[in-house]
Amino acid sequence: MPNNIAPSESEISLAELRGDCARMAPHWVVPAKAAPTPVAPSLIHGVTVPDASARLIDAMSEYGD
């Protein structure tokens, strides 16, 4: 009787995982990317940031000082 029980994750080697992925790759369909629609500069009015987020970023000196 064949063993139909899948091995646990710790029993699968990286090489086996890469092989499984390589065999599955032809079955994966990649949808066509749609080009983003450009936005007119006149429609851009700035960015609104919630107060809590602004305080968080302000407290991170490596990003703002």
PDB file of N, CA and C in Angstrom:
ATOM      1  N   MET A   1       0.842  -1.177   0.000  1.00  0.00           N
ATOM      2  CA  MET A   1       0.000   0.000   0.000  1.00  0.00           C
ATOM      3  C   MET A   1       0.891   1.246   0.000  1.00  0.00           C
ATOM      4  N   PRO A   2       0.675   2.214  -0.950  1.00  0.00           N
ATOM      5  CA  PRO A   2       1.541   3.402  -1.009  1.00  0.00           C
ATOM      6  C   PRO A   2       1.294   4.331   0.175  1.00  0.00           C
ATOM      7  N   ASN A   3       2.341   5.057   0.521  1.00  0.00           N
ATOM      8  CA  ASN A   3       2.254   6.010   1.628  1.00  0.00           C
ATOM      9  C   ASN A   3       1.725   7.334   1.082  1.00  0.00           C
ATOM     10  N   ASN A   4       0.494   7.691   1.425  1.00  0.00           N
ATOM     11  CA  ASN A   4      -0.121   8.929   0.936  1.00  0.00           C
ATOM     12  C   ASN A   4      -0.022  10.060   1.940  1.00  0.00           C
ATOM     13  N   ILE A   5       0.792   9.892   2.951  1.00  0.00           N
ATOM     14  CA  ILE A   5       0.946  10.916   3.979  1.00  0.00           C
ATOM     15  C   ILE A   5       2.091  11.839   3.575  1.00  0.00           C
ATOM     16  N   ALA A   6       1.811  13.127   3.501  1.00  0.00           N
ATOM     17  CA  ALA A   6       2.842  14.105   3.136  1.00  0.00           C
ATOM     18  C   ALA A   6       3.840  14.245   4.278  1.00  0.00           C
ATOM     19  N   PRO A   7       5.121  14.407   3.940  1.00  0.00           N
ATOM     20  CA  PRO A   7       6.113  14.598   5.003  1.00  0.00           C
ATOM     21  C   PRO A   7       5.897  15.939   5.688  1.00  0.00           C
ATOM     22  N   SER A   8       6.334  16.025   6.935  1.00  0.00           N
ATOM     23  CA  SER A   8       6.218  17.302   7.635  1.00  0.00           C
ATOM     24  C   SER A   8       7.196  18.292   7.028  1.00  0.00           C
ATOM     25  N   GLU A   9       6.987  19.577   7.300  1.00  0.00           N
ATOM     26  CA  GLU A   9       7.846  20.623   6.717  1.00  0.00           C
ATOM     27  C   GLU A   9       9.312  20.407   7.062  1.00  0.00           C
ATOM     28  N   SER A  10       9.591  19.917   8.261  1.00  0.00           N
ATOM     29  CA  SER A  10      10.977  19.748   8.662  1.00  0.00           C
ATOM     30  C   SER A  10      11.656  18.595   7.919  1.00  0.00           C
ATOM     31  N   GLU A  11      10.874  17.731   7.265  1.00  0.00           N
ATOM     32  CA  GLU A  11      11.438  16.600   6.537  1.00  0.00           C
ATOM     33  C   GLU A  11      11.684  16.921   5.059  1.00  0.00           C
ATOM     34  N   ILE A  12      11.269  18.088   4.595  1.00  0.00           N
ATOM     35  CA  ILE A  12      11.437  18.473   3.203  1.00  0.00           C
ATOM     36  C   ILE A  12      12.695  19.332   3.083  1.00  0.00           C
ATOM     37  N   SER A  13      13.580  18.941   2.180  1.00  0.00           N
ATOM     38  CA  SER A  13      14.811  19.714   2.010  1.00  0.00           C
ATOM     39  C   SER A  13      14.553  20.899   1.081  1.00  0.00           C
ATOM     40  N   LEU A  14      15.457  21.844   1.100  1.00  0.00           N
ATOM     41  CA  LEU A  14      15.351  23.005   0.219  1.00  0.00           C
ATOM     42  C   LEU A  14      15.383  22.565  -1.238  1.00  0.00           C
ATOM     43  N   ALA A  15      16.215  21.594  -1.552  1.00  0.00           N
ATOM     44  CA  ALA A  15      16.301  21.101  -2.932  1.00  0.00           C
ATOM     45  C   ALA A  15      14.973  20.497  -3.376  1.00  0.00           C
ATOM     46  N   GLU A  16      14.326  19.751  -2.486  1.00  0.00           N
ATOM     47  CA  GLU A  16      13.023  19.165  -2.825  1.00  0.00           C
ATOM     48  C   GLU A  16      11.981  20.261  -3.033  1.00  0.00           C
ATOM     49  N   LEU A  17      12.012  21.264  -2.169  1.00  0.00           N
ATOM     50  CA  LEU A  17      11.064  22.370  -2.288  1.00  0.00           C
ATOM     51  C   LEU A  17      11.271  23.117  -3.597  1.00  0.00           C
ATOM     52  N   ARG A  18      12.524  23.400  -3.944  1.00  0.00           N
ATOM     53  CA  ARG A  18      12.814  24.085  -5.208  1.00  0.00           C
ATOM     54  C   ARG A  18      12.368  23.243  -6.398  1.00  0.00           C
ATOM     55  N   GLY A  19      12.559  21.927  -6.313  1.00  0.00           N
ATOM     56  CA  GLY A  19      12.117  21.040  -7.384  1.00  0.00           C
ATOM     57  C   GLY A  19      10.604  21.057  -7.531  1.00  0.00           C
ATOM     58  N   ASP A  20       9.898  21.023  -6.407  1.00  0.00           N
ATOM     59  CA  ASP A  20       8.429  21.089  -6.447  1.00  0.00           C
ATOM     60  C   ASP A  20       7.976  22.394  -7.100  1.00  0.00           C
ATOM     61  N   CYS A  21       8.619  23.493  -6.733  1.00  0.00           N
ATOM     62  CA  CYS A  21       8.247  24.797  -7.300  1.00  0.00           C
ATOM     63  C   CYS A  21       8.540  24.834  -8.799  1.00  0.00           C
ATOM     64  N   ALA A  22       9.671  24.275  -9.205  1.00  0.00           N
ATOM     65  CA  ALA A  22      10.027  24.270 -10.625  1.00  0.00           C
ATOM     66  C   ALA A  22       9.018  23.460 -11.439  1.00  0.00           C
ATOM     67  N   ARG A  23       8.528  22.372 -10.874  1.00  0.00           N
ATOM     68  CA  ARG A  23       7.532  21.566 -11.580  1.00  0.00           C
ATOM     69  C   ARG A  23       6.183  22.276 -11.648  1.00  0.00           C
ATOM     70  N   MET A  24       5.874  23.105 -10.668  1.00  0.00           N
ATOM     71  CA  MET A  24       4.577  23.792 -10.640  1.00  0.00           C
ATOM     72  C   MET A  24       4.582  25.086 -11.450  1.00  0.00           C
ATOM     73  N   ALA A  25       5.755  25.674 -11.656  1.00  0.00           N
ATOM     74  CA  ALA A  25       5.850  26.978 -12.318  1.00  0.00           C
ATOM     75  C   ALA A  25       5.115  27.041 -13.656  1.00  0.00           C
ATOM     76  N   PRO A  26       5.189  26.027 -14.517  1.00  0.00           N
ATOM     77  CA  PRO A  26       4.465  26.121 -15.789  1.00  0.00           C
ATOM     78  C   PRO A  26       2.936  26.184 -15.617  1.00  0.00           C
ATOM     79  N   HIS A  27       2.450  25.799 -14.455  1.00  0.00           N
ATOM     80  CA  HIS A  27       1.006  25.787 -14.219  1.00  0.00           C
ATOM     81  C   HIS A  27       0.485  27.123 -13.682  1.00  0.00           C
ATOM     82  N   TRP A  28       1.388  28.003 -13.273  1.00  0.00           N
ATOM     83  CA  TRP A  28       0.988  29.284 -12.715  1.00  0.00           C
ATOM     84  C   TRP A  28       0.779  30.290 -13.832  1.00  0.00           C
ATOM     85  N   VAL A  29      -0.351  30.947 -13.798  1.00  0.00           N
ATOM     86  CA  VAL A  29      -0.671  31.946 -14.808  1.00  0.00           C
ATOM     87  C   VAL A  29      -0.387  33.325 -14.225  1.00  0.00           C
ATOM     88  N   VAL A  30       0.369  34.103 -14.957  1.00  0.00           N
ATOM     89  CA  VAL A  30       0.679  35.462 -14.519  1.00  0.00           C
ATOM     90  C   VAL A  30      -0.198  36.413 -15.316  1.00  0.00           C
ATOM     91  N   PRO A  31      -1.087  37.145 -14.630  1.00  0.00           N
ATOM     92  CA  PRO A  31      -1.944  38.079 -15.364  1.00  0.00           C
ATOM     93  C   PRO A  31      -1.129  39.222 -15.968  1.00  0.00           C
ATOM     94  N   ALA A  32      -1.602  39.712 -17.081  1.00  0.00           N
ATOM     95  CA  ALA A  32      -0.937  40.848 -17.726  1.00  0.00           C
ATOM     96  C   ALA A  32      -1.064  42.068 -16.833  1.00  0.00           C
ATOM     97  N   LYS A  33       0.026  42.804 -16.705  1.00  0.00           N
ATOM     98  CA  LYS A  33      -0.004  44.018 -15.885  1.00  0.00           C
ATOM     99  C   LYS A  33      -0.586  45.162 -16.698  1.00  0.00           C
ATOM    100  N   ALA A  34      -1.512  45.839 -16.091  1.00  0.00           N
ATOM    101  CA  ALA A  34      -2.068  47.029 -16.724  1.00  0.00           C
ATOM    102  C   ALA A  34      -1.191  48.222 -16.339  1.00  0.00           C
ATOM    103  N   ALA A  35      -0.892  49.046 -17.288  1.00  0.00           N
ATOM    104  CA  ALA A  35      -0.094  50.243 -17.015  1.00  0.00           C
ATOM    105  C   ALA A  35      -0.924  51.201 -16.162  1.00  0.00           C
ATOM    106  N   PRO A  36      -0.320  51.782 -15.129  1.00  0.00           N
ATOM    107  CA  PRO A  36      -1.062  52.724 -14.304  1.00  0.00           C
ATOM    108  C   PRO A  36      -1.460  53.964 -15.113  1.00  0.00           C
ATOM    109  N   THR A  37      -2.637  54.453 -14.828  1.00  0.00           N
ATOM    110  CA  THR A  37      -3.122  55.651 -15.508  1.00  0.00           C
ATOM    111  C   THR A  37      -2.454  56.870 -14.892  1.00  0.00           C
ATOM    112  N   PRO A  38      -1.806  57.701 -15.690  1.00  0.00           N
ATOM    113  CA  PRO A  38      -1.166  58.898 -15.137  1.00  0.00           C
ATOM    114  C   PRO A  38      -2.202  59.843 -14.520  1.00  0.00           C
ATOM    115  N   VAL A  39      -1.795  60.514 -13.476  1.00  0.00           N
ATOM    116  CA  VAL A  39      -2.658  61.485 -12.796  1.00  0.00           C
ATOM    117  C   VAL A  39      -2.130  62.870 -13.115  1.00  0.00           C
ATOM    118  N   ALA A  40      -3.026  63.732 -13.504  1.00  0.00           N
ATOM    119  CA  ALA A  40      -2.632  65.110 -13.814  1.00  0.00           C
ATOM    120  C   ALA A  40      -2.127  65.793 -12.546  1.00  0.00           C
ATOM    121  N   PRO A  41      -1.021  66.526 -12.633  1.00  0.00           N
ATOM    122  CA  PRO A  41      -0.506  67.222 -11.443  1.00  0.00           C
ATOM    123  C   PRO A  41      -1.540  68.140 -10.793  1.00  0.00           C
ATOM    124  N   SER A  42      -2.457  68.681 -11.569  1.00  0.00           N
ATOM    125  CA  SER A  42      -3.466  69.567 -10.997  1.00  0.00           C
ATOM    126  C   SER A  42      -4.422  68.833 -10.059  1.00  0.00           C
ATOM    127  N   LEU A  43      -4.462  67.502 -10.148  1.00  0.00           N
ATOM    128  CA  LEU A  43      -5.344  66.722  -9.274  1.00  0.00           C
ATOM    129  C   LEU A  43      -4.662  66.294  -7.982  1.00  0.00           C
ATOM    130  N   ILE A  44      -3.350  66.510  -7.888  1.00  0.00           N
ATOM    131  CA  ILE A  44      -2.612  66.124  -6.693  1.00  0.00           C
ATOM    132  C   ILE A  44      -2.581  67.317  -5.754  1.00  0.00           C
ATOM    133  N   HIS A  45      -3.178  67.153  -4.585  1.00  0.00           N
ATOM    134  CA  HIS A  45      -3.290  68.272  -3.640  1.00  0.00           C
ATOM    135  C   HIS A  45      -2.526  68.027  -2.351  1.00  0.00           C
ATOM    136  N   GLY A  46      -1.661  67.043  -2.325  1.00  0.00           N
ATOM    137  CA  GLY A  46      -0.903  66.759  -1.115  1.00  0.00           C
ATOM    138  C   GLY A  46      -1.330  65.445  -0.497  1.00  0.00           C
ATOM    139  N   VAL A  47      -0.721  65.144   0.594  1.00  0.00           N
ATOM    140  CA  VAL A  47      -0.966  63.898   1.293  1.00  0.00           C
ATOM    141  C   VAL A  47      -1.490  64.219   2.678  1.00  0.00           C
ATOM    142  N   THR A  48      -2.518  63.505   3.072  1.00  0.00           N
ATOM    143  CA  THR A  48      -3.056  63.662   4.419  1.00  0.00           C
ATOM    144  C   THR A  48      -2.550  62.512   5.271  1.00  0.00           C
ATOM    145  N   VAL A  49      -1.905  62.843   6.382  1.00  0.00           N
ATOM    146  CA  VAL A  49      -1.347  61.840   7.275  1.00  0.00           C
ATOM    147  C   VAL A  49      -2.055  61.949   8.619  1.00  0.00           C
ATOM    148  N   PRO A  50      -2.561  60.835   9.146  1.00  0.00           N
ATOM    149  CA  PRO A  50      -3.203  60.876  10.461  1.00  0.00           C
ATOM    150  C   PRO A  50      -2.209  61.372  11.520  1.00  0.00           C
ATOM    151  N   ASP A  51      -2.712  62.075  12.525  1.00  0.00           N
ATOM    152  CA  ASP A  51      -1.851  62.641  13.571  1.00  0.00           C
ATOM    153  C   ASP A  51      -0.975  61.589  14.243  1.00  0.00           C
ATOM    154  N   ALA A  52      -1.534  60.418  14.526  1.00  0.00           N
ATOM    155  CA  ALA A  52      -0.762  59.366  15.196  1.00  0.00           C
ATOM    156  C   ALA A  52       0.421  58.929  14.323  1.00  0.00           C
ATOM    157  N   SER A  53       0.209  58.826  13.030  1.00  0.00           N
ATOM    158  CA  SER A  53       1.294  58.431  12.132  1.00  0.00           C
ATOM    159  C   SER A  53       2.340  59.523  12.037  1.00  0.00           C
ATOM    160  N   ALA A  54       1.910  60.766  11.994  1.00  0.00           N
ATOM    161  CA  ALA A  54       2.854  61.877  11.909  1.00  0.00           C
ATOM    162  C   ALA A  54       3.718  61.927  13.168  1.00  0.00           C
ATOM    163  N   ARG A  55       3.118  61.687  14.334  1.00  0.00           N
ATOM    164  CA  ARG A  55       3.894  61.685  15.582  1.00  0.00           C
ATOM    165  C   ARG A  55       4.900  60.538  15.585  1.00  0.00           C
ATOM    166  N   LEU A  56       4.501  59.387  15.066  1.00  0.00           N
ATOM    167  CA  LEU A  56       5.395  58.241  15.024  1.00  0.00           C
ATOM    168  C   LEU A  56       6.617  58.544  14.162  1.00  0.00           C
ATOM    169  N   ILE A  57       6.389  59.081  12.989  1.00  0.00           N
ATOM    170  CA  ILE A  57       7.501  59.403  12.084  1.00  0.00           C
ATOM    171  C   ILE A  57       8.350  60.532  12.659  1.00  0.00           C
ATOM    172  N   ASP A  58       7.715  61.515  13.286  1.00  0.00           N
ATOM    173  CA  ASP A  58       8.455  62.631  13.871  1.00  0.00           C
ATOM    174  C   ASP A  58       9.381  62.140  14.974  1.00  0.00           C
ATOM    175  N   ALA A  59       8.990  61.085  15.668  1.00  0.00           N
ATOM    176  CA  ALA A  59       9.794  60.544  16.767  1.00  0.00           C
ATOM    177  C   ALA A  59      10.968  59.704  16.266  1.00  0.00           C
ATOM    178  N   MET A  60      10.996  59.390  14.988  1.00  0.00           N
ATOM    179  CA  MET A  60      12.066  58.568  14.434  1.00  0.00           C
ATOM    180  C   MET A  60      13.129  59.499  13.834  1.00  0.00           C
ATOM    181  N   SER A  61      14.131  59.827  14.622  1.00  0.00           N
ATOM    182  CA  SER A  61      15.100  60.849  14.219  1.00  0.00           C
ATOM    183  C   SER A  61      15.836  60.490  12.937  1.00  0.00           C
ATOM    184  N   GLU A  62      16.081  59.210  12.669  1.00  0.00           N
ATOM    185  CA  GLU A  62      16.836  58.879  11.460  1.00  0.00           C
ATOM    186  C   GLU A  62      16.052  59.175  10.194  1.00  0.00           C
ATOM    187  N   TYR A  63      14.745  59.370  10.296  1.00  0.00           N
ATOM    188  CA  TYR A  63      13.955  59.692   9.122  1.00  0.00           C
ATOM    189  C   TYR A  63      13.676  61.184   8.966  1.00  0.00           C
ATOM    190  N   GLY A  64      13.784  61.946  10.028  1.00  0.00           N
ATOM    191  CA  GLY A  64      13.363  63.323   9.914  1.00  0.00           C
ATOM    192  C   GLY A  64      14.399  64.382  10.277  1.00  0.00           C
ATOM    193  N   ASP A  65      15.461  64.009  10.916  1.00  0.00           N
ATOM    194  CA  ASP A  65      16.423  65.027  11.366  1.00  0.00           C
ATOM    195  C   ASP A  65      17.609  65.118  10.456  1.00  0.00           C
TER     196      ASP A  65
END
